[in-house]
Amino acid sequence: MKQLDVINRLEKVFGRRQLRTHAEQRGVLQFDTSGFMTSIVLDLASSREILLSKSFESFNDFEEGYRKLHGSRFRMDSVRSFFTDGPLFLEGDSHRVTKHAFNELLKRQAEVLANSSSAIIALMGNRKYRFDNALDFSRTFVEICLATMISDVLSISMKSSLRALRSRDNTFYFHFHPSRHRNANAALELLDSALTQPRPDPDYPLMVGQSLVMMAYDPLIATICAWLVERPPVPLTAAADRYCATSFVTRVCIEPIEIGSTRFDKGDVAYLSLVASEDEESSEALSFGSGTHVCIGKRISLQILGLAEQVIATGDAESFQRQPALAPDGAFLSFKN
């Protein structure tokens, strides 16, 4: 129950966030949760220091929630494997090897996207006026970009890639969520079922394809949509830091340390805000994280945002008849029509 108190507080803080700030001023909130402390760090300087510190490691929120709240009622082998074997929660040599493999594959996908940019611009230019709101426009654009790369990295059809993307649910969530992760598991199984060639071991191309489905879809849509709604005097490539689609990440302390005036002991868990508080400059946001586990997809994300800006420049975005409403959703900034 004490962990639920933490989750409820996280919902309160980030459930009322605006486009560029969360709901409270900077500080560190601490809860005694069954023998260890759980902290909500609402201060970007402290978040950055923890992300760079060797006294903290990544924390697999999904597996923790799955074990405690879910058990074996539903099989989620694909999602569990994604979180366990992918680079998100690995440490040490395993993380370095996997991260290097990801970077090499993503370099190739950056070239694929660049070579496809003219076709994507033309396609979105033809379809744009069918959309009467920024959310549908953003969703379609991101789906086309991600499906183009997934199809290449896995050698599967665009149709199969789009089916997987459209089957998942908002998985950028700070704790295990049964219905959303069941949908995510189904999406990853669709990717797996589309594979026809013998697979390498470890299957880094599949991990990259899964990451594009699980980790790229929602933040990119929210960032583009937020930019179209607010129309700020900054380019879309700067919008990720302005809006910070993902609110926070989690770390676990592996050795005692003091960060500012807060002490962390071994086993303590910290939820680190990546969003500026009400009294901080939003330009300081850590939208892609920092340190060893900085977002591997940062380069490709900025490339997609730059391409979106080119698409928007080819037509009149003001032709959208309706604007979506901000709908904060746990750790994630989302919109609804």
Foldseek 3Di string as FASTA:
>chain_A
DQVVVVLVVLCVQQQPDDQFATDFAFDKDWTDDPPFIEIEGQDLVLQQVQLADPQKFADQQAVVQCVPPNDPPDDLPLVVCLSPQALQHDDDPSNVVLLVLLLVLVVVLLVQLVVCLVVLLVVCLVCVLVAQELLVSLLVSLLVSLLSSLCVLQVFDSVLLSVLLVQADQQLARHHDVVRSVSLSVSLVSSVVRHDDDADVVRSSSSNSSCSSHPVNQLRSLQSLVCLVVVDPDASLLSLLRRLFFFWGKIAGCAWDDRPNDIHHHGYMYTYTQGHHPPDDSNSGLSQGDHPNRNSCSVVSSSSSVSVRVSCVVDPSVSNNDYWDWRRDHRGTDTDD
